Amino acid sequence: MEQPTLLAQWLANERIAAYIPESLWAQIAVGLLGLALLMLLAGWLTSSVVTTIARRTLVAMGHQDWSVSLSRRRVFRSISYAAPLLVVAGNIGLLPIEEKYLSFIARMFLSVGLVFVFMAVSGALSAWQDVYASSTRAQTRSIKGYLEIGKIVLWAICLISIVSILIDRSPLLMLSGLGALSAVLLLVFKDTLLSLVASTQMTHNDMLRIGDWIEMPQAGADGFVIDIALHTVKVQNWDKTVTTVPTYKLFAESYRNWRYMFESGGRRIKRTLRVDASTIRFLDEDEIIALGRFALLKDYLAGKQHELEESNLALGDLATIQGNRRRLTNIGTFRAYALAYLRQHRELRQDMLMIVRMMEPDSQGVPVEVYCFSDKTAWVEYERIQGDIFDHLLSILPEMSLRLYQAPSGTDLALAWRKGPNSLDAN
């Protein structure tokens, strides 16, 4: 048997029936008017009363940011749209029409109302992301990926619910049918599943944070991470362009993260000076005395000369031959000076590795590598410190009778040719 409509139940009541017209079209008009009034009342209550109370409650509790975010994400507006539709779906019996039509109309209003309900929940998740992004915890942990997967699950539930309502079947029936499509679903959501696993692992192992400087040449990324989402990570490069990298690639492939350098408080300086091999030689006594005027070399020269004198005395008569004697070299003295200069520099980390070493000579001279760490990690300050160090070391080279290697240019060769072939031999 068909269930009597709400209006039919009212007609059965003699007191109410006296105020309801007997004509079918008049009864439909009364029903529509009643539904319209209910929609207006429900809309007014949710949009004005409930929304105002919710906002004031959040502000009173000290969560004004939540109130602003929920309004910006249109959560309150979605609820104010959903309430009238659900009210109509629940009171559709006011219309004196057949049950099969009432059921269809009720399912339509219920489906649309559920869409707005899920839109409100999705907006609440987005508001959560907005509030969290403004907190200090967002600098180390990103929840955007988890919220995005939550939205995907949410809309999947919404779709299943609406379809089951429209066809008037249980949602479990649809879920059982999805089992046969599991292989297709895995293929369609392959990137989503990979990104979810990668995002979870990176967050758990603290591999990547918003604000990290990363280098990933294979993806063309070199800059700061500005956004970590479920499927993509956005990197703002130094030229202000933005590179979008799939999240799972950052878990499956290698990249360089400079965050740990910033946390250590020291940034490495590693640069090579190439000394002209033709200028390397032993120092004579006059040059050693002249170099003694440098405060950074006094202790070195005194200790080294004492060491050399003892070594040469041990040679006995063999010390009369210059080739047997140990002597100071200008490049060795330069290395000692450079190391002493680094050790007294106030903007270098003295507790980290500091070395000046000579590397294997090649066709471009004798490389002397300076290796140390500045106490400033910011790029501008780091370059200033590095520039000051090498300005000084390059300027001190002539004092050691050394010259920096420089490949001859076309102008040098042309000038030498004008002077004649002998000038090339002289040089």
Protein backbone atom coordinates (compact mmCIF):
# COMPACT_ATOMS: atom_id res chain seq x y z
CA MET A 1 0.00 0.00 0.00
CA GLU A 2 1.11 3.50 -0.71
CA GLN A 3 1.87 5.69 2.27
CA PRO A 4 -0.64 8.59 2.51
CA THR A 5 0.85 12.03 1.91
CA LEU A 6 1.18 14.56 4.69
CA LEU A 7 -1.61 16.63 3.15
CA ALA A 8 -3.88 13.56 3.02
CA GLN A 9 -3.25 12.97 6.70
CA TRP A 10 -4.25 16.57 7.39
CA LEU A 11 -7.45 16.12 5.33
CA ALA A 12 -8.36 13.18 7.53
CA ASN A 13 -8.40 15.54 10.46
CA GLU A 14 -11.76 17.31 10.44
CA ARG A 15 -10.48 20.48 12.12
CA ILE A 16 -7.65 21.00 9.63
CA ALA A 17 -9.70 19.83 6.63
CA ALA A 18 -12.06 22.74 7.10
CA TYR A 19 -9.28 25.18 6.10
CA ILE A 20 -7.99 23.21 3.08
CA PRO A 21 -9.67 23.64 -0.34
CA GLU A 22 -11.20 20.61 -2.04
CA SER A 23 -9.81 21.34 -5.51
CA LEU A 24 -6.63 19.37 -6.40
CA TRP A 25 -4.89 22.37 -7.98
CA ALA A 26 -5.69 24.48 -4.95
CA GLN A 27 -4.26 21.80 -2.69
CA ILE A 28 -1.09 21.70 -4.81
CA ALA A 29 -0.83 25.49 -4.55
CA VAL A 30 -1.24 25.31 -0.79
CA GLY A 31 1.41 22.60 -0.64
CA LEU A 32 3.84 24.63 -2.73
CA LEU A 33 3.18 27.68 -0.60
CA GLY A 34 3.86 25.66 2.54
CA LEU A 35 7.13 24.29 1.11
CA ALA A 36 8.18 27.78 0.06
CA LEU A 37 7.55 29.12 3.55
CA LEU A 38 9.50 26.24 5.08
CA MET A 39 12.41 26.88 2.70
CA LEU A 40 12.47 30.57 3.55
CA LEU A 41 12.29 29.87 7.27
CA ALA A 42 15.03 27.24 7.15
CA GLY A 43 17.21 29.48 4.98
CA TRP A 44 16.75 32.45 7.29
CA LEU A 45 17.50 30.40 10.42
CA THR A 46 20.71 28.93 9.02
CA SER A 47 22.02 32.00 7.15
CA SER A 48 21.24 34.57 9.86
CA VAL A 49 20.70 32.97 13.24
CA VAL A 50 22.89 29.87 13.19
CA THR A 51 25.71 31.51 11.20
CA THR A 52 25.82 34.56 13.46
CA ILE A 53 25.85 32.41 16.60
CA ALA A 54 28.65 30.21 15.17
CA ARG A 55 30.81 33.20 14.23
CA ARG A 56 30.40 34.94 17.55
CA THR A 57 31.11 31.73 19.42
CA LEU A 58 34.36 31.20 17.49
CA VAL A 59 35.46 34.80 18.13
CA ALA A 60 34.59 34.50 21.83
CA MET A 61 36.66 31.32 22.07
CA GLY A 62 39.66 33.10 20.50
CA HIS A 63 39.37 31.40 17.11
CA GLN A 64 38.74 34.42 14.91
CA ASP A 65 40.99 32.91 12.24
CA TRP A 66 38.61 29.97 12.00
CA SER A 67 35.64 32.32 11.61
CA VAL A 68 37.38 34.18 8.77
CA SER A 69 38.53 30.99 7.03
CA LEU A 70 35.12 29.32 7.25
CA SER A 71 33.50 32.41 5.75
CA ARG A 72 36.10 32.65 2.98
CA ARG A 73 35.59 28.98 2.11
CA ARG A 74 31.79 29.50 2.03
CA VAL A 75 31.05 26.87 4.65
CA PHE A 76 28.21 28.85 6.22
CA ARG A 77 26.72 29.63 2.80
CA SER A 78 26.76 25.95 1.79
CA ILE A 79 24.97 25.02 5.02
CA SER A 80 22.37 27.73 4.41
CA TYR A 81 21.74 26.23 0.97
CA ALA A 82 21.62 22.63 2.22
CA ALA A 83 19.14 23.20 5.09
CA PRO A 84 16.16 24.40 2.96
CA LEU A 85 16.67 21.57 0.45
CA LEU A 86 16.74 18.93 3.18
CA VAL A 87 13.65 20.49 4.79
CA VAL A 88 11.79 20.27 1.48
CA ALA A 89 12.92 16.66 1.02
CA GLY A 90 11.53 15.82 4.47
CA ASN A 91 8.20 17.63 3.91
CA ILE A 92 7.52 16.82 0.28
CA GLY A 93 4.36 15.03 1.45
CA LEU A 94 2.61 18.41 1.50
CA LEU A 95 2.02 17.98 -2.23
CA PRO A 96 -1.08 15.89 -3.05
CA ILE A 97 0.48 13.89 -5.88
CA GLU A 98 1.22 10.22 -6.42
CA GLU A 99 3.79 8.51 -4.22
CA LYS A 100 6.12 7.59 -7.08
CA TYR A 101 6.43 11.24 -8.10
CA LEU A 102 6.85 12.36 -4.51
CA SER A 103 9.61 9.82 -3.96
CA PHE A 104 11.48 10.97 -7.08
CA ILE A 105 11.21 14.67 -6.15
CA ALA A 106 12.27 13.93 -2.58
CA ARG A 107 15.31 12.02 -3.79
CA MET A 108 16.26 14.91 -6.09
CA PHE A 109 16.07 17.50 -3.32
CA LEU A 110 17.91 15.16 -0.93
CA SER A 111 20.70 14.58 -3.46
CA VAL A 112 21.22 18.30 -4.09
CA GLY A 113 21.09 18.98 -0.35
CA LEU A 114 23.74 16.33 0.26
CA VAL A 115 25.97 17.96 -2.36
CA PHE A 116 25.87 21.23 -0.40
CA VAL A 117 26.51 19.33 2.86
CA PHE A 118 29.62 17.74 1.38
CA MET A 119 30.66 21.11 -0.03
CA ALA A 120 30.46 22.52 3.50
CA VAL A 121 32.60 19.67 4.87
CA SER A 122 35.13 20.13 2.04
CA GLY A 123 35.22 23.87 2.76
CA ALA A 124 35.83 23.12 6.44
CA LEU A 125 38.85 21.00 5.46
CA SER A 126 40.15 23.85 3.31
CA ALA A 127 39.64 26.27 6.21
CA TRP A 128 41.64 23.89 8.41
CA GLN A 129 44.48 24.08 5.89
CA ASP A 130 44.31 27.90 5.88
CA VAL A 131 44.46 28.11 9.67
CA TYR A 132 47.25 25.53 9.89
CA ALA A 133 49.30 27.26 7.16
CA SER A 134 49.45 30.43 9.26
CA SER A 135 50.86 28.56 12.29
CA THR A 136 54.53 27.91 13.06
CA ARG A 137 54.05 24.15 12.77
CA ALA A 138 53.33 24.53 9.07
CA GLN A 139 57.00 25.43 8.54
CA THR A 140 58.05 21.89 9.47
CA ARG A 141 54.98 19.76 8.74
CA SER A 142 52.49 20.06 5.87
CA ILE A 143 49.02 18.51 6.16
CA LYS A 144 47.84 19.60 2.72
CA GLY A 145 48.43 16.14 1.23
CA TYR A 146 46.38 14.44 3.93
CA LEU A 147 43.54 16.95 3.52
CA GLU A 148 43.51 16.42 -0.22
CA ILE A 149 43.24 12.66 0.14
CA GLY A 150 40.48 13.28 2.68
CA LYS A 151 38.62 15.38 0.11
CA ILE A 152 38.97 12.64 -2.48
CA VAL A 153 37.48 10.08 -0.07
CA LEU A 154 34.79 12.59 0.91
CA TRP A 155 33.63 13.18 -2.67
CA ALA A 156 33.80 9.47 -3.41
CA ILE A 157 31.38 8.89 -0.52
CA CYS A 158 29.24 11.77 -1.81
CA LEU A 159 29.07 10.25 -5.30
CA ILE A 160 28.17 6.79 -4.00
CA SER A 161 25.52 8.23 -1.67
CA ILE A 162 23.87 10.36 -4.36
CA VAL A 163 23.80 7.59 -6.94
CA SER A 164 22.34 5.15 -4.39
CA ILE A 165 19.66 7.72 -3.45
CA LEU A 166 18.73 8.43 -7.05
CA ILE A 167 18.39 4.76 -7.99
CA ASP A 168 16.83 3.96 -4.61
CA ARG A 169 19.34 1.20 -3.79
CA SER A 170 21.57 0.51 -0.81
CA PRO A 171 25.11 2.02 -0.96
CA LEU A 172 26.47 -1.42 -0.05
CA LEU A 173 25.25 -2.70 -3.40
CA MET A 174 27.37 -0.12 -5.21
CA LEU A 175 30.38 -0.80 -3.02
CA SER A 176 30.19 -4.50 -3.83
CA GLY A 177 30.18 -3.61 -7.52
CA LEU A 178 33.32 -1.52 -7.08
CA GLY A 179 35.25 -4.64 -6.15
CA ALA A 180 35.14 -5.78 -9.76
CA LEU A 181 36.55 -2.41 -10.82
CA SER A 182 39.42 -2.43 -8.31
CA ALA A 183 42.07 -3.06 -10.98
CA VAL A 184 40.77 -0.16 -13.05
CA LEU A 185 40.62 2.08 -9.98
CA LEU A 186 44.21 1.21 -9.06
CA LEU A 187 45.29 2.15 -12.56
CA VAL A 188 43.34 5.41 -12.54
CA PHE A 189 44.52 6.43 -9.06
CA LYS A 190 48.08 5.14 -9.46
CA ASP A 191 49.67 8.60 -9.16
CA THR A 192 47.42 9.44 -6.22
CA LEU A 193 48.42 6.30 -4.31
CA LEU A 194 52.13 6.81 -5.09
CA SER A 195 51.92 10.44 -4.00
CA LEU A 196 50.09 9.50 -0.81
CA VAL A 197 52.79 6.99 0.18
CA ALA A 198 55.56 9.44 -0.76
CA SER A 199 53.95 12.32 1.13
CA THR A 200 53.50 10.15 4.23
CA GLN A 201 57.10 8.93 4.16
CA MET A 202 58.56 12.40 3.58
CA THR A 203 56.53 13.88 6.41
CA HIS A 204 57.32 11.03 8.80
CA ASN A 205 61.06 11.10 8.03
CA ASP A 206 61.21 14.93 7.89
CA MET A 207 62.72 14.82 4.40
CA LEU A 208 61.13 17.98 3.07
CA ARG A 209 59.59 21.12 4.54
CA ILE A 210 58.07 24.30 3.19
CA GLY A 211 60.89 26.84 2.93
CA ASP A 212 63.63 24.27 2.18
CA TRP A 213 66.13 25.12 -0.54
CA ILE A 214 66.43 22.08 -2.81
CA GLU A 215 68.31 21.30 -6.02
CA MET A 216 66.87 18.71 -8.43
CA PRO A 217 68.60 19.20 -11.82
CA GLN A 218 66.67 16.39 -13.53
CA ALA A 219 63.44 18.28 -12.84
CA GLY A 220 64.86 21.77 -13.43
CA ALA A 221 64.22 22.75 -9.80
CA ASP A 222 66.64 24.94 -7.85
CA GLY A 223 65.06 27.14 -5.19
CA PHE A 224 62.75 27.21 -2.19
CA VAL A 225 59.78 24.89 -1.63
CA ILE A 226 56.65 27.06 -1.47
CA ASP A 227 53.93 24.39 -1.44
CA ILE A 228 53.63 20.70 -0.63
CA ALA A 229 50.41 19.12 -1.87
CA LEU A 230 49.28 15.54 -2.36
CA HIS A 231 50.24 15.26 -6.02
CA THR A 232 52.79 18.04 -6.53
CA VAL A 233 55.49 20.05 -4.80
CA LYS A 234 56.05 23.62 -6.03
CA VAL A 235 59.58 25.03 -6.05
CA GLN A 236 60.21 28.72 -6.67
CA ASN A 237 63.52 28.96 -8.54
CA TRP A 238 66.03 31.76 -8.16
CA ASP A 239 64.77 33.39 -11.36
CA LYS A 240 61.28 33.56 -9.76
CA THR A 241 59.88 30.85 -12.02
CA VAL A 242 58.01 27.96 -10.39
CA THR A 243 58.80 24.31 -11.08
CA THR A 244 56.13 21.73 -10.26
CA VAL A 245 57.56 18.34 -9.29
CA PRO A 246 55.40 15.22 -8.72
CA THR A 247 55.51 14.30 -5.04
CA TYR A 248 56.45 10.68 -5.64
CA LYS A 249 59.52 11.76 -7.67
CA LEU A 250 60.94 13.51 -4.61
CA PHE A 251 60.70 10.21 -2.76
CA ALA A 252 61.93 7.96 -5.57
CA GLU A 253 64.71 10.17 -6.98
CA SER A 254 67.65 11.99 -5.39
CA TYR A 255 67.82 15.71 -4.74
CA ARG A 256 69.91 18.04 -2.60
CA ASN A 257 68.36 19.71 0.44
CA TRP A 258 70.27 22.71 1.82
CA ARG A 259 68.21 22.93 5.01
CA TYR A 260 70.78 21.04 7.06
CA MET A 261 73.47 23.49 5.96
CA PHE A 262 71.38 26.37 7.34
CA GLU A 263 70.74 24.44 10.56
CA SER A 264 74.46 23.75 11.05
CA GLY A 265 75.22 27.48 11.09
CA GLY A 266 78.14 27.20 8.67
CA ARG A 267 78.30 27.41 4.88
CA ARG A 268 81.21 25.86 3.05
CA ILE A 269 83.75 27.91 1.12
CA LYS A 270 85.64 25.76 -1.35
CA ARG A 271 87.55 27.62 -4.02
CA THR A 272 90.82 27.08 -5.86
CA LEU A 273 93.62 29.52 -6.71
CA ARG A 274 95.73 28.39 -9.67
CA VAL A 275 99.33 29.53 -9.24
CA ASP A 276 101.64 29.89 -12.23
CA ALA A 277 104.11 26.98 -11.91
CA SER A 278 106.97 29.09 -13.35
CA THR A 279 106.86 31.40 -10.31
CA ILE A 280 107.31 28.65 -7.67
CA ARG A 281 110.81 28.61 -6.18
CA PHE A 282 112.88 28.63 -2.98
CA LEU A 283 113.12 31.77 -0.87
CA ASP A 284 116.49 33.37 -0.17
CA GLU A 285 117.48 34.88 3.18
CA ASP A 286 116.62 38.44 2.21
CA GLU A 287 113.13 37.42 1.13
CA ILE A 288 112.59 35.49 4.37
CA ILE A 289 113.63 38.54 6.39
CA ALA A 290 111.30 40.72 4.30
CA LEU A 291 108.37 38.36 4.85
CA GLY A 292 108.97 38.50 8.60
CA ARG A 293 107.25 41.87 8.66
CA PHE A 294 103.90 40.11 8.22
CA ALA A 295 102.41 39.39 11.63
CA LEU A 296 100.69 36.24 10.37
CA LEU A 297 104.03 34.76 9.27
CA LYS A 298 106.26 35.56 12.28
CA ASP A 299 105.54 32.42 14.24
CA TYR A 300 105.56 30.23 11.15
CA LEU A 301 108.89 31.55 9.86
CA ALA A 302 110.54 31.32 13.27
CA GLY A 303 109.40 27.76 13.86
CA LYS A 304 110.10 26.63 10.30
CA GLN A 305 113.61 28.11 10.22
CA HIS A 306 114.47 26.40 13.50
CA GLU A 307 113.19 23.11 12.12
CA LEU A 308 115.16 23.51 8.90
CA GLU A 309 118.39 24.44 10.71
CA GLU A 310 118.20 21.31 12.85
CA SER A 311 117.49 19.15 9.80
CA ASN A 312 120.38 20.66 7.84
CA LEU A 313 122.81 20.32 10.77
CA ALA A 314 122.02 16.63 10.86
CA LEU A 315 123.23 16.32 7.27
CA GLY A 316 126.79 17.31 8.20
CA ASP A 317 129.07 17.90 5.21
CA LEU A 318 126.26 17.08 2.79
CA ALA A 319 124.55 20.33 3.80
CA THR A 320 127.13 22.28 1.77
CA ILE A 321 125.33 21.15 -1.40
CA GLN A 322 122.22 23.27 -1.94
CA GLY A 323 120.30 20.35 -3.41
CA ASN A 324 120.61 18.46 -0.11
CA ARG A 325 119.46 21.27 2.11
CA ARG A 326 115.86 21.85 3.16
CA ARG A 327 114.70 25.36 2.30
CA LEU A 328 111.54 27.44 2.46
CA THR A 329 109.43 27.74 -0.69
CA ASN A 330 107.26 30.67 -1.61
CA ILE A 331 104.19 28.50 -2.25
CA GLY A 332 104.57 26.71 1.08
CA THR A 333 104.88 30.08 2.83
CA PHE A 334 101.77 31.27 1.01
CA ARG A 335 99.81 28.23 2.21
CA ALA A 336 100.90 28.92 5.77
CA TYR A 337 99.93 32.59 5.44
CA ALA A 338 96.51 31.72 3.98
CA LEU A 339 95.78 29.26 6.80
CA ALA A 340 96.85 31.77 9.44
CA TYR A 341 94.65 34.39 7.79
CA LEU A 342 91.64 32.04 7.91
CA ARG A 343 92.25 31.18 11.57
CA GLN A 344 92.11 34.80 12.64
CA HIS A 345 89.09 35.70 10.49
CA ARG A 346 86.16 36.59 12.74
CA GLU A 347 83.45 35.55 10.27
CA LEU A 348 84.64 31.98 9.79
CA ARG A 349 83.65 28.95 11.87
CA GLN A 350 86.81 27.99 13.74
CA ASP A 351 85.19 24.79 15.06
CA MET A 352 84.71 23.39 11.55
CA LEU A 353 87.21 21.98 9.09
CA MET A 354 89.69 24.55 7.83
CA ILE A 355 92.47 23.67 5.42
CA VAL A 356 94.63 25.15 2.66
CA ARG A 357 96.03 22.40 0.46
CA MET A 358 98.01 22.06 -2.76
CA MET A 359 96.42 19.79 -5.34
CA GLU A 360 97.80 17.96 -8.35
CA PRO A 361 99.41 20.35 -10.88
CA ASP A 362 97.98 20.41 -14.38
CA SER A 363 98.24 22.40 -17.59
CA GLN A 364 96.55 25.39 -15.92
CA GLY A 365 99.02 25.78 -13.07
CA VAL A 366 99.30 24.52 -9.50
CA PRO A 367 95.90 24.51 -7.74
CA VAL A 368 95.87 25.74 -4.13
CA GLU A 369 92.46 24.98 -2.58
CA VAL A 370 90.99 26.97 0.30
CA TYR A 371 88.45 24.98 2.33
CA CYS A 372 86.59 26.53 5.29
CA PHE A 373 83.10 27.49 6.55
CA SER A 374 81.60 30.94 6.98
CA ASP A 375 79.42 31.66 10.02
CA LYS A 376 76.81 33.35 7.80
CA THR A 377 74.57 31.10 5.72
CA ALA A 378 72.56 33.83 3.96
CA TRP A 379 73.59 34.06 0.33
CA VAL A 380 74.49 37.76 0.24
CA GLU A 381 76.55 37.65 3.44
CA TYR A 382 78.22 34.41 2.37
CA GLU A 383 79.34 35.88 -0.95
CA ARG A 384 80.63 39.00 0.80
CA ILE A 385 82.77 36.95 3.21
CA GLN A 386 84.06 34.73 0.42
CA GLY A 387 84.87 37.73 -1.75
CA ASP A 388 86.78 39.47 1.06
CA ILE A 389 88.89 36.37 1.70
CA PHE A 390 89.94 35.87 -1.90
CA ASP A 391 90.44 39.57 -2.52
CA HIS A 392 93.08 39.49 0.20
CA LEU A 393 94.71 36.21 -0.88
CA LEU A 394 94.95 37.29 -4.52
CA SER A 395 96.48 40.60 -3.49
CA ILE A 396 99.10 38.96 -1.23
CA LEU A 397 100.38 36.59 -3.94
CA PRO A 398 102.96 39.07 -5.40
CA GLU A 399 104.44 39.53 -1.91
CA MET A 400 105.40 35.83 -2.06
CA SER A 401 106.84 36.28 -5.58
CA LEU A 402 103.92 34.26 -6.97
CA ARG A 403 101.63 34.96 -9.89
CA LEU A 404 98.15 33.69 -10.62
CA TYR A 405 97.93 31.56 -13.74
CA GLN A 406 95.97 33.11 -16.59
CA ALA A 407 95.66 31.66 -20.08
CA PRO A 408 96.92 34.11 -22.72
CA SER A 409 94.25 35.93 -24.66
CA GLY A 410 94.27 36.90 -28.31
CA THR A 411 95.46 40.38 -27.36
CA ASP A 412 98.48 38.94 -25.49
CA LEU A 413 99.48 36.83 -28.47
CA ALA A 414 99.04 39.71 -30.90
CA LEU A 415 101.14 42.00 -28.71
CA ALA A 416 103.87 39.39 -28.42
CA TRP A 417 103.87 38.88 -32.19
CA ARG A 418 104.33 42.62 -32.80
CA LYS A 419 107.33 42.61 -30.48
CA GLY A 420 108.86 39.75 -32.48
CA PRO A 421 109.33 36.02 -32.14
CA ASN A 422 112.05 36.49 -29.51
CA SER A 423 109.56 38.10 -27.15
CA LEU A 424 107.64 34.82 -26.92
CA ASP A 425 110.81 33.04 -25.80
CA ALA A 426 111.54 35.78 -23.33
CA ASN A 427 108.08 35.50 -21.80
